[in-house]
Amino acid sequence: MALGLIVLILKIYFIVLIVIMMIYGLRHIIFTHNRLYMRQKVSYRDVMDSDLPKVTVVIPMHNEEAVLDNVIESLLKCDYDWDRLEIIPINDHSTDRTGEMLRAYHARYPFIRPLHRYGDDILRGKPAGLNDAIALATGEVIIVFDADYRPSRNLLKKLATPFTDPEVGAVMGRVIPLNANHNLLTCLLNLERTGGYQVDQQARYNMGLVPQYGGTVGGFRRSVIVAEGGFDTKILAEDTELTYRLYTTGWTVVYDNSAECYEEAPETWAVRAKQIRRWARGHNEVMFKNFFRVIFTPYLSIMQKVDGMMLLLVYFMPFLLALGHIDCLILFFLGEMELFSGWFILLFIGVYNSWGNFAPFYEIGAGTILDGLTREILALPMLCFSFYFYMWHISRGFLDAVVDRVTRRNVTWNKTDRFAGKKGNGAASAPTDASAPDAATPAAGSADATTAGSVQAMTAAPAHHENGAPQGGQEVKA
């Protein structure tokens, strides 16, 4: 009797899992159709020309001497008035030349105001660093970049313009790997980025659903996060946490597919494993915190709640799929399932989906068409193997989040290793065409061109904090 009940539960679980995957599949069929055939929302910059707000660019850094020149030099070449620009690089307990290099930039450009965070009593990590930087910021809008990113020339204007709409709480741009052609892994990451941004994010924005603020290449209103008491330092995925905080309090998130920024993608599977495990851990921490808030918030429509829940559960699904494999094995050894038939269904699911947001092959395929990635598309079949790599490490991240929740232990931020300085390509630059394509136009899928343009003359005087904090021409230490 007990064995029969166990078999019944295992079979029900397997059927429910297949149904859930079919729902995700339908969702992305709709997204793909919308992106290819329906009307596309364009950049705010294409339809508005209002006075731009003062912007504070925040760049969290820890031992970033190999890449920090790239991001800062790219920002200096951005088409944004320097009297409306403040840059706060966060030197978070670096032990290399990061602090020295930032002091040199500060001496040349007073509006670059490094925040040096040292001391055993200073909480480490990106959320804590952002909180300290926001407390010092003078800009109305906070725009965040990771240290290995390289903004295009018109990116700051594209990210700042939507904030002229009083309903906008955050804006997200598009990330494109700069080293997409380095090896198989970077090629696959380029495909994943293409599907995730070119199709998934844009379609969700078109349909008025829940486009996600991604934590870098994006901005948010300083007043919103200050009113909410800052970022939760016990959550690794501060970007996802902010996304749901905004949606459940009545704000909207704008996605601009033409606001392109170029990143250094991980080049080894070990580094990628650490990164995706950290993302899964942080995302699931946000899921535990916001599950019922999304269901009961009055600020979201039914369709937005459905999309928001599916996005919230996306780093939980690989763990369920892993359990599905175990489910099949148990049923097989109990004589209740043929090995080939059971595993064939799960193999199909693995092939059908890629990692993270479960963007299926046809969604990534649509992105490659829009981006003109004719050669990269040949690597598409390899995603079925990388999916199982992600399933393992995302499942580990989910279990980390469960332990965090049960034990209430403090989480530790582990940054992604950089590769630019190791191979001597730190001087490579990203494209900075001042007229990037809009959302309905194919965008470049890889970036190898050289940055053009010259640094404009500085016009800004040192900024003064209303609260009496040090002026723009001084460094700030926590």
Protein backbone atom coordinates (compact mmCIF):
# COMPACT_ATOMS: atom_id res chain seq x y z
CA MET A 1 0.00 0.00 0.00
CA ALA A 2 2.73 2.44 1.01
CA LEU A 3 4.78 1.53 -2.08
CA GLY A 4 1.77 2.12 -4.31
CA LEU A 5 1.26 5.56 -2.78
CA ILE A 6 4.92 6.44 -3.36
CA VAL A 7 4.68 5.35 -7.00
CA LEU A 8 1.53 7.42 -7.45
CA ILE A 9 3.20 10.51 -5.97
CA LEU A 10 6.25 10.05 -8.21
CA LYS A 11 4.09 9.73 -11.31
CA ILE A 12 2.01 12.76 -10.39
CA TYR A 13 5.18 14.77 -9.83
CA PHE A 14 6.50 13.77 -13.23
CA ILE A 15 3.27 14.76 -14.98
CA VAL A 16 3.08 18.09 -13.10
CA LEU A 17 6.69 18.83 -14.06
CA ILE A 18 5.93 18.24 -17.75
CA VAL A 19 2.88 20.52 -17.53
CA ILE A 20 4.93 23.28 -15.91
CA MET A 21 7.54 23.05 -18.66
CA MET A 22 4.80 23.22 -21.28
CA ILE A 23 3.54 26.43 -19.66
CA TYR A 24 7.03 27.93 -19.78
CA GLY A 25 7.29 26.79 -23.39
CA LEU A 26 4.00 28.48 -24.31
CA ARG A 27 5.12 31.64 -22.59
CA HIS A 28 8.22 31.86 -24.72
CA ILE A 29 6.40 30.97 -27.91
CA ILE A 30 4.28 34.05 -27.23
CA PHE A 31 7.37 36.14 -26.50
CA THR A 32 9.07 35.04 -29.70
CA HIS A 33 5.99 35.77 -31.82
CA ASN A 34 5.65 39.20 -30.22
CA ARG A 35 9.29 40.09 -30.83
CA LEU A 36 9.26 38.99 -34.47
CA TYR A 37 5.84 40.09 -35.68
CA MET A 38 4.18 42.62 -33.35
CA ARG A 39 4.64 46.35 -32.79
CA GLN A 40 7.81 47.13 -30.82
CA LYS A 41 8.20 49.77 -28.13
CA VAL A 42 11.07 52.10 -28.98
CA SER A 43 13.57 53.91 -26.80
CA TYR A 44 12.35 56.92 -24.83
CA ARG A 45 15.29 58.75 -26.38
CA ASP A 46 13.73 58.29 -29.81
CA VAL A 47 10.55 60.14 -28.85
CA MET A 48 11.60 62.52 -26.06
CA ASP A 49 14.15 65.29 -25.85
CA SER A 50 13.64 66.68 -22.38
CA ASP A 51 16.20 68.13 -20.03
CA LEU A 52 18.17 65.26 -18.57
CA PRO A 53 18.54 64.73 -14.82
CA LYS A 54 21.78 64.77 -12.92
CA VAL A 55 23.18 61.25 -12.92
CA THR A 56 25.45 59.47 -10.47
CA VAL A 57 27.25 56.51 -12.02
CA VAL A 58 28.22 53.91 -9.42
CA ILE A 59 30.83 51.21 -10.19
CA PRO A 60 31.41 48.54 -7.52
CA MET A 61 35.03 47.36 -7.60
CA HIS A 62 37.18 44.80 -5.84
CA ASN A 63 40.68 44.22 -7.24
CA GLU A 64 39.75 45.58 -10.66
CA GLU A 65 43.09 46.99 -11.84
CA ALA A 66 42.88 44.85 -15.00
CA VAL A 67 39.62 46.37 -16.23
CA LEU A 68 38.80 49.65 -14.48
CA ASP A 69 40.48 51.81 -17.13
CA ASN A 70 38.08 50.44 -19.72
CA VAL A 71 34.87 51.35 -17.93
CA ILE A 72 36.02 54.78 -16.75
CA GLU A 73 37.50 55.82 -20.11
CA SER A 74 34.31 54.67 -21.82
CA LEU A 75 32.22 56.75 -19.41
CA LEU A 76 34.38 59.81 -20.04
CA LYS A 77 33.64 59.46 -23.75
CA CYS A 78 29.89 59.20 -23.22
CA ASP A 79 27.75 61.97 -24.68
CA TYR A 80 26.52 63.42 -21.38
CA ASP A 81 27.12 66.90 -19.93
CA TRP A 82 29.78 66.68 -17.26
CA ASP A 83 27.96 69.28 -15.14
CA ARG A 84 25.15 66.71 -14.82
CA LEU A 85 27.44 63.75 -14.21
CA GLU A 86 29.03 62.29 -11.09
CA ILE A 87 31.02 59.04 -11.04
CA ILE A 88 31.53 57.11 -7.79
CA PRO A 89 33.77 54.04 -8.17
CA ILE A 90 33.49 51.89 -5.04
CA ASN A 91 36.87 50.53 -4.02
CA ASP A 92 35.67 47.71 -1.78
CA HIS A 93 38.65 46.34 0.19
CA SER A 94 40.88 46.01 -2.89
CA THR A 95 44.41 44.76 -2.35
CA ASP A 96 45.80 45.53 -5.82
CA ARG A 97 46.33 48.90 -7.57
CA THR A 98 42.61 49.72 -7.79
CA GLY A 99 42.75 52.44 -5.13
CA GLU A 100 45.90 54.02 -6.57
CA MET A 101 44.42 54.12 -10.08
CA LEU A 102 41.18 55.66 -8.83
CA ARG A 103 43.08 58.39 -6.99
CA ALA A 104 44.84 59.25 -10.23
CA TYR A 105 41.50 59.58 -12.02
CA HIS A 106 40.14 61.74 -9.20
CA ALA A 107 43.11 64.10 -9.51
CA ARG A 108 42.37 64.58 -13.23
CA TYR A 109 38.57 64.62 -13.05
CA PRO A 110 37.10 66.00 -9.79
CA PHE A 111 33.64 64.63 -10.60
CA ILE A 112 35.12 61.12 -10.30
CA ARG A 113 34.80 60.66 -6.55
CA PRO A 114 36.11 57.29 -5.38
CA LEU A 115 34.58 55.70 -2.31
CA HIS A 116 37.28 53.68 -0.52
CA ARG A 117 35.83 51.04 1.80
CA TYR A 118 38.33 49.44 4.19
CA GLY A 119 38.18 48.07 7.70
CA ASP A 120 37.01 44.98 9.51
CA ASP A 121 33.85 46.80 10.63
CA ILE A 122 32.87 47.68 7.03
CA LEU A 123 30.45 45.15 5.56
CA ARG A 124 31.74 43.87 2.23
CA GLY A 125 29.75 43.16 -0.90
CA LYS A 126 27.89 44.93 -3.67
CA PRO A 127 24.64 45.73 -1.79
CA ALA A 128 26.51 47.28 1.14
CA GLY A 129 28.79 49.23 -1.19
CA LEU A 130 25.83 50.54 -3.15
CA ASN A 131 24.17 51.72 0.04
CA ASP A 132 27.26 53.72 1.02
CA ALA A 133 27.59 55.22 -2.46
CA ILE A 134 23.91 56.17 -2.62
CA ALA A 135 24.27 58.00 0.70
CA LEU A 136 26.99 60.18 -0.89
CA ALA A 137 25.44 60.56 -4.34
CA THR A 138 24.12 63.93 -5.52
CA GLY A 139 22.42 62.68 -8.68
CA GLU A 140 18.67 62.19 -8.98
CA VAL A 141 19.30 58.97 -10.92
CA ILE A 142 21.74 56.20 -9.96
CA ILE A 143 23.19 54.24 -12.89
CA VAL A 144 25.21 51.12 -12.07
CA PHE A 145 27.93 49.40 -14.08
CA ASP A 146 30.12 46.44 -13.22
CA ALA A 147 33.82 47.15 -13.53
CA ASP A 148 34.31 44.97 -16.62
CA TYR A 149 31.59 46.75 -18.62
CA ARG A 150 32.15 49.28 -21.41
CA PRO A 151 29.27 51.69 -22.08
CA SER A 152 28.51 52.84 -25.60
CA ARG A 153 28.74 56.58 -26.27
CA ASN A 154 25.02 57.36 -26.07
CA LEU A 155 24.20 54.91 -23.28
CA LEU A 156 23.90 57.38 -20.39
CA LYS A 157 21.38 59.51 -22.29
CA LYS A 158 19.31 56.48 -23.22
CA LEU A 159 19.24 55.27 -19.61
CA ALA A 160 18.55 58.71 -18.11
CA THR A 161 15.79 59.91 -20.46
CA PRO A 162 13.00 57.54 -19.25
CA PHE A 163 13.22 59.08 -15.78
CA THR A 164 11.48 62.16 -17.18
CA ASP A 165 8.39 59.92 -16.87
CA PRO A 166 7.31 60.15 -13.21
CA GLU A 167 6.03 56.55 -13.20
CA VAL A 168 9.41 55.02 -14.09
CA GLY A 169 11.35 53.62 -11.15
CA ALA A 170 14.15 51.82 -13.00
CA VAL A 171 15.58 51.42 -16.50
CA MET A 172 17.49 48.48 -17.95
CA GLY A 173 19.77 48.40 -21.00
CA ARG A 174 21.15 45.53 -23.03
CA VAL A 175 24.33 43.56 -22.31
CA ILE A 176 26.47 42.23 -25.17
CA PRO A 177 29.60 40.07 -24.61
CA LEU A 178 32.72 41.78 -25.93
CA ASN A 179 34.70 38.54 -26.07
CA ALA A 180 31.99 36.43 -27.72
CA ASN A 181 34.44 34.79 -30.14
CA HIS A 182 37.02 33.74 -27.53
CA ASN A 183 35.88 30.14 -27.03
CA LEU A 184 32.83 27.88 -26.99
CA LEU A 185 31.66 29.11 -23.59
CA THR A 186 31.71 32.79 -24.55
CA CYS A 187 29.94 31.93 -27.80
CA LEU A 188 27.18 30.16 -25.88
CA LEU A 189 26.91 33.06 -23.45
CA ASN A 190 26.49 35.40 -26.40
CA LEU A 191 23.61 33.25 -27.63
CA GLU A 192 22.02 33.27 -24.18
CA ARG A 193 22.37 37.05 -23.93
CA THR A 194 20.83 37.42 -27.38
CA GLY A 195 17.77 35.37 -26.47
CA GLY A 196 17.43 36.93 -23.04
CA TYR A 197 17.69 40.58 -24.06
CA GLN A 198 16.86 40.85 -27.77
CA VAL A 199 13.74 38.67 -27.45
CA ASP A 200 12.72 37.91 -23.86
CA GLN A 201 13.21 41.31 -22.22
CA GLN A 202 11.96 43.26 -25.24
CA ALA A 203 8.82 41.11 -25.58
CA ARG A 204 7.99 41.45 -21.89
CA TYR A 205 8.38 45.21 -22.22
CA ASN A 206 6.25 45.29 -25.39
CA MET A 207 3.48 43.36 -23.68
CA GLY A 208 3.47 45.45 -20.50
CA LEU A 209 4.59 42.53 -18.32
CA VAL A 210 7.62 42.43 -16.00
CA PRO A 211 10.92 43.36 -17.66
CA GLN A 212 13.68 42.93 -15.11
CA TYR A 213 16.19 45.44 -13.80
CA GLY A 214 19.48 43.58 -14.08
CA GLY A 215 21.81 45.32 -11.61
CA THR A 216 24.23 46.69 -14.19
CA VAL A 217 23.72 48.67 -17.38
CA GLY A 218 20.68 50.11 -15.67
CA GLY A 219 19.54 52.86 -13.37
CA PHE A 220 16.99 53.63 -10.68
CA ARG A 221 15.63 56.63 -8.82
CA ARG A 222 17.74 57.47 -5.82
CA SER A 223 14.69 58.67 -3.88
CA VAL A 224 12.98 55.28 -4.20
CA ILE A 225 15.79 53.22 -2.73
CA VAL A 226 16.47 55.81 0.00
CA ALA A 227 12.80 55.78 1.02
CA GLU A 228 12.92 51.98 1.20
CA GLY A 229 15.96 52.02 3.49
CA GLY A 230 18.54 50.93 0.92
CA PHE A 231 19.43 47.51 -0.42
CA ASP A 232 19.07 44.39 1.71
CA THR A 233 22.66 43.40 2.47
CA LYS A 234 21.63 39.80 3.18
CA ILE A 235 20.49 39.24 -0.42
CA LEU A 236 23.06 38.66 -3.15
CA ALA A 237 20.69 39.48 -6.05
CA GLU A 238 20.06 43.11 -5.20
CA ASP A 239 18.91 43.75 -8.77
CA THR A 240 16.10 41.19 -8.67
CA GLU A 241 15.14 42.35 -5.19
CA LEU A 242 14.85 45.93 -6.47
CA THR A 243 12.79 44.77 -9.46
CA TYR A 244 10.13 43.23 -7.25
CA ARG A 245 10.28 46.02 -4.71
CA LEU A 246 9.46 48.48 -7.50
CA TYR A 247 6.65 46.45 -9.07
CA THR A 248 4.95 45.71 -5.76
CA THR A 249 4.93 49.40 -4.79
CA GLY A 250 3.50 50.79 -8.02
CA TRP A 251 6.59 51.70 -10.08
CA THR A 252 7.40 50.51 -13.60
CA VAL A 253 10.64 49.24 -15.15
CA VAL A 254 11.62 50.32 -18.67
CA TYR A 255 13.74 48.18 -20.97
CA ASP A 256 15.72 49.88 -23.77
CA ASN A 257 17.05 47.36 -26.28
CA SER A 258 19.12 50.01 -28.01
CA ALA A 259 20.96 51.04 -24.82
CA GLU A 260 23.91 48.73 -25.42
CA CYS A 261 26.79 48.04 -23.10
CA TYR A 262 29.62 45.56 -23.60
CA GLU A 263 30.83 43.09 -20.99
CA GLU A 264 33.67 40.65 -20.51
CA ALA A 265 31.91 37.29 -20.35
CA PRO A 266 33.42 34.49 -18.22
CA GLU A 267 35.93 32.47 -20.22
CA THR A 268 36.20 29.32 -18.13
CA TRP A 269 33.51 26.91 -16.98
CA ALA A 270 34.75 27.10 -13.38
CA VAL A 271 34.22 30.87 -13.25
CA ARG A 272 30.83 30.55 -14.92
CA ALA A 273 29.82 27.87 -12.40
CA LYS A 274 30.60 30.18 -9.48
CA GLN A 275 28.74 33.06 -11.13
CA ILE A 276 25.57 31.13 -11.94
CA ARG A 277 25.52 29.51 -8.49
CA ARG A 278 25.70 32.97 -6.90
CA TRP A 279 22.92 34.25 -9.15
CA ALA A 280 20.71 31.28 -8.30
CA ARG A 281 21.36 31.69 -4.60
CA GLY A 282 20.48 35.39 -4.67
CA HIS A 283 17.47 35.00 -6.95
CA ASN A 284 15.94 32.31 -4.75
CA GLU A 285 16.50 34.47 -1.68
CA VAL A 286 14.39 37.08 -3.45
CA MET A 287 11.79 34.41 -4.28
CA PHE A 288 11.42 33.47 -0.61
CA LYS A 289 11.03 37.13 0.33
CA ASN A 290 8.61 38.23 -2.41
CA PHE A 291 6.52 35.16 -3.28
CA PHE A 292 3.37 36.29 -1.50
CA ARG A 293 3.99 39.99 -2.10
CA VAL A 294 3.70 39.40 -5.85
CA ILE A 295 0.48 37.42 -5.43
CA PHE A 296 -1.28 39.97 -3.23
CA THR A 297 0.06 43.32 -4.48
CA PRO A 298 -2.69 45.58 -5.86
CA TYR A 299 -0.30 47.25 -8.30
CA LEU A 300 0.04 44.36 -10.76
CA SER A 301 -2.50 43.01 -13.23
CA ILE A 302 -3.30 39.29 -13.41
CA MET A 303 -1.00 38.81 -16.41
CA GLN A 304 1.79 40.77 -14.73
CA LYS A 305 1.44 38.59 -11.64
CA VAL A 306 1.64 35.44 -13.75
CA ASP A 307 4.74 36.69 -15.57
CA GLY A 308 6.25 37.97 -12.33
CA MET A 309 5.75 34.62 -10.62
CA MET A 310 7.23 32.69 -13.54
CA LEU A 311 10.24 34.99 -13.49
CA LEU A 312 10.50 34.69 -9.72
CA LEU A 313 10.51 30.87 -9.91
CA VAL A 314 12.95 30.62 -12.78
CA TYR A 315 15.98 29.66 -10.65
CA PHE A 316 13.87 27.12 -8.78
CA MET A 317 12.90 25.21 -11.93
CA PRO A 318 16.32 23.56 -12.56
CA PHE A 319 16.14 22.05 -9.08
CA LEU A 320 12.69 20.65 -9.91
CA LEU A 321 14.09 19.22 -13.14
CA ALA A 322 16.96 17.60 -11.24
CA LEU A 323 14.39 15.97 -8.97
CA GLY A 324 12.60 14.85 -12.14
CA HIS A 325 15.67 12.85 -13.16
CA ILE A 326 15.76 11.18 -9.76
CA ASP A 327 12.03 10.58 -10.05
CA CYS A 328 12.57 8.71 -13.34
CA LEU A 329 15.31 6.54 -11.90
CA ILE A 330 13.21 5.54 -8.90
CA LEU A 331 10.23 4.68 -11.11
CA PHE A 332 12.47 2.65 -13.42
CA PHE A 333 13.98 0.55 -10.63
CA LEU A 334 10.50 0.02 -9.22
CA GLY A 335 9.49 -1.35 -12.59
CA GLU A 336 7.03 1.48 -13.21
CA MET A 337 8.75 3.19 -16.12
CA GLU A 338 10.87 2.21 -19.08
CA LEU A 339 14.24 3.90 -18.79
CA PHE A 340 14.33 5.14 -22.36
CA SER A 341 10.81 6.58 -22.39
CA GLY A 342 11.22 8.45 -19.11
CA TRP A 343 14.65 9.85 -19.80
CA PHE A 344 13.68 10.68 -23.36
CA ILE A 345 11.07 13.13 -22.09
CA LEU A 346 13.53 14.79 -19.72
CA LEU A 347 16.19 14.89 -22.42
CA PHE A 348 13.66 16.60 -24.65
CA ILE A 349 13.00 19.17 -21.93
CA GLY A 350 16.74 19.75 -21.57
CA VAL A 351 17.18 20.23 -25.30
CA TYR A 352 14.06 22.38 -25.42
CA ASN A 353 15.31 24.82 -22.84
CA SER A 354 18.48 26.67 -22.03
CA TRP A 355 19.61 27.93 -18.62
CA GLY A 356 18.30 30.60 -16.30
CA ASN A 357 15.14 32.09 -17.78
CA PHE A 358 14.37 28.91 -19.75
CA ALA A 359 14.48 30.69 -23.08
CA PRO A 360 13.91 27.84 -25.55
CA PHE A 361 15.91 27.27 -28.68
CA TYR A 362 13.44 29.05 -30.90
CA GLU A 363 13.70 32.20 -28.73
CA ILE A 364 17.48 32.20 -28.94
CA GLY A 365 17.16 31.39 -32.63
CA ALA A 366 14.94 34.43 -33.14
CA GLY A 367 17.52 36.57 -31.37
CA THR A 368 20.31 35.35 -33.64
CA ILE A 369 18.20 36.26 -36.68
CA LEU A 370 17.55 39.77 -35.34
CA ASP A 371 21.23 40.22 -34.43
CA GLY A 372 22.55 38.68 -37.65
CA LEU A 373 24.61 36.02 -35.83
CA THR A 374 24.91 33.72 -38.82
CA ARG A 375 28.05 31.93 -37.64
CA GLU A 376 27.26 31.78 -33.93
CA ILE A 377 23.97 30.00 -34.59
CA LEU A 378 25.97 26.87 -35.49
CA ALA A 379 26.68 26.47 -31.75
CA LEU A 380 22.98 26.34 -30.90
CA PRO A 381 22.84 22.53 -30.39
CA MET A 382 25.55 22.75 -27.72
CA LEU A 383 23.11 24.53 -25.41
CA CYS A 384 21.46 21.20 -24.60
CA PHE A 385 24.69 20.09 -22.91
CA SER A 386 25.33 23.37 -21.12
CA PHE A 387 21.78 23.15 -19.75
CA TYR A 388 22.74 20.17 -17.59
CA PHE A 389 25.83 22.03 -16.40
CA TYR A 390 23.58 24.89 -15.33
CA MET A 391 21.00 22.56 -13.80
CA TRP A 392 23.64 21.19 -11.41
CA HIS A 393 25.08 24.54 -10.34
CA ILE A 394 21.74 26.36 -10.18
CA SER A 395 20.42 23.54 -7.98
CA ARG A 396 23.39 24.02 -5.67
CA GLY A 397 22.59 27.73 -5.54
CA PHE A 398 18.99 26.97 -4.63
CA LEU A 399 20.12 24.73 -1.77
CA ASP A 400 22.49 27.50 -0.61
CA ALA A 401 19.49 29.84 -0.47
CA VAL A 402 17.48 27.30 1.52
CA VAL A 403 20.29 26.97 4.06
CA ASP A 404 20.57 30.78 4.22
CA ARG A 405 16.88 30.98 4.97
CA VAL A 406 16.90 28.29 7.64
CA THR A 407 20.11 29.26 9.44
CA ARG A 408 19.91 33.03 8.78
CA ARG A 409 23.63 32.99 8.14
CA ASN A 410 25.40 36.00 6.64
CA VAL A 411 25.99 35.75 2.89
CA THR A 412 29.37 36.50 1.35
CA TRP A 413 29.78 38.23 -2.00
CA ASN A 414 32.22 36.56 -4.40
CA LYS A 415 33.04 38.62 -7.48
CA THR A 416 33.48 37.12 -10.93
CA ASP A 417 37.10 36.64 -12.00
CA ARG A 418 38.33 38.97 -14.77
CA PHE A 419 40.38 37.88 -17.76
CA ALA A 420 41.30 41.08 -19.61
CA GLY A 421 44.57 41.69 -17.80
CA LYS A 422 45.62 38.03 -18.05
CA LYS A 423 45.76 38.04 -21.83
CA GLY A 424 46.80 41.59 -22.48
CA ASN A 425 43.59 42.78 -24.05
CA GLY A 426 42.66 45.33 -21.48
CA ALA A 427 42.91 48.13 -24.00
CA ALA A 428 40.30 46.69 -26.29
CA SER A 429 37.27 48.90 -26.66
CA ALA A 430 33.62 48.56 -27.47
CA PRO A 431 31.68 50.16 -30.28
CA THR A 432 30.33 53.60 -29.41
CA ASP A 433 28.19 54.52 -32.39
CA ALA A 434 26.13 57.51 -31.32
CA SER A 435 23.11 56.20 -33.18
CA ALA A 436 22.55 52.71 -31.82
CA PRO A 437 19.62 50.77 -33.32
CA ASP A 438 16.21 50.96 -31.76
CA ALA A 439 14.31 48.00 -30.38
CA ALA A 440 12.87 46.99 -33.73
CA THR A 441 16.22 47.05 -35.50
CA PRO A 442 18.82 44.26 -35.42
CA ALA A 443 21.63 45.11 -33.02
CA ALA A 444 25.22 43.95 -33.15
CA GLY A 445 25.68 40.60 -31.47
CA SER A 446 29.38 40.96 -30.88
CA ALA A 447 31.68 43.90 -30.47
CA ASP A 448 35.17 44.17 -31.90
CA ALA A 449 35.30 47.71 -33.23
CA THR A 450 37.48 50.38 -31.69
CA THR A 451 36.03 53.17 -29.59
CA ALA A 452 35.80 56.42 -31.52
CA GLY A 453 35.50 59.98 -30.31
CA SER A 454 37.44 62.22 -28.01
CA VAL A 455 37.01 63.28 -24.44
CA GLN A 456 35.00 66.47 -24.17
CA ALA A 457 36.23 69.43 -22.16
CA MET A 458 35.28 69.34 -18.52
CA THR A 459 32.69 71.97 -17.64
CA ALA A 460 31.51 70.83 -14.22
CA ALA A 461 32.44 72.51 -10.99
CA PRO A 462 32.92 70.34 -7.89
CA ALA A 463 29.56 69.27 -6.54
CA HIS A 464 28.55 69.96 -2.96
CA HIS A 465 26.47 67.60 -0.87
CA GLU A 466 23.40 69.04 0.77
CA ASN A 467 24.23 67.18 3.94
CA GLY A 468 27.66 68.75 4.23
CA ALA A 469 29.59 65.72 2.99
CA PRO A 470 32.93 66.26 1.23
CA GLN A 471 32.88 68.19 -2.04
CA GLY A 472 33.30 66.61 -5.46
CA GLY A 473 37.03 67.32 -5.48
CA GLN A 474 37.72 65.10 -2.48
CA GLU A 475 37.85 61.40 -1.92
CA VAL A 476 35.45 59.79 0.47
CA LYS A 477 36.44 56.93 2.75
CA ALA A 478 34.12 54.72 4.73
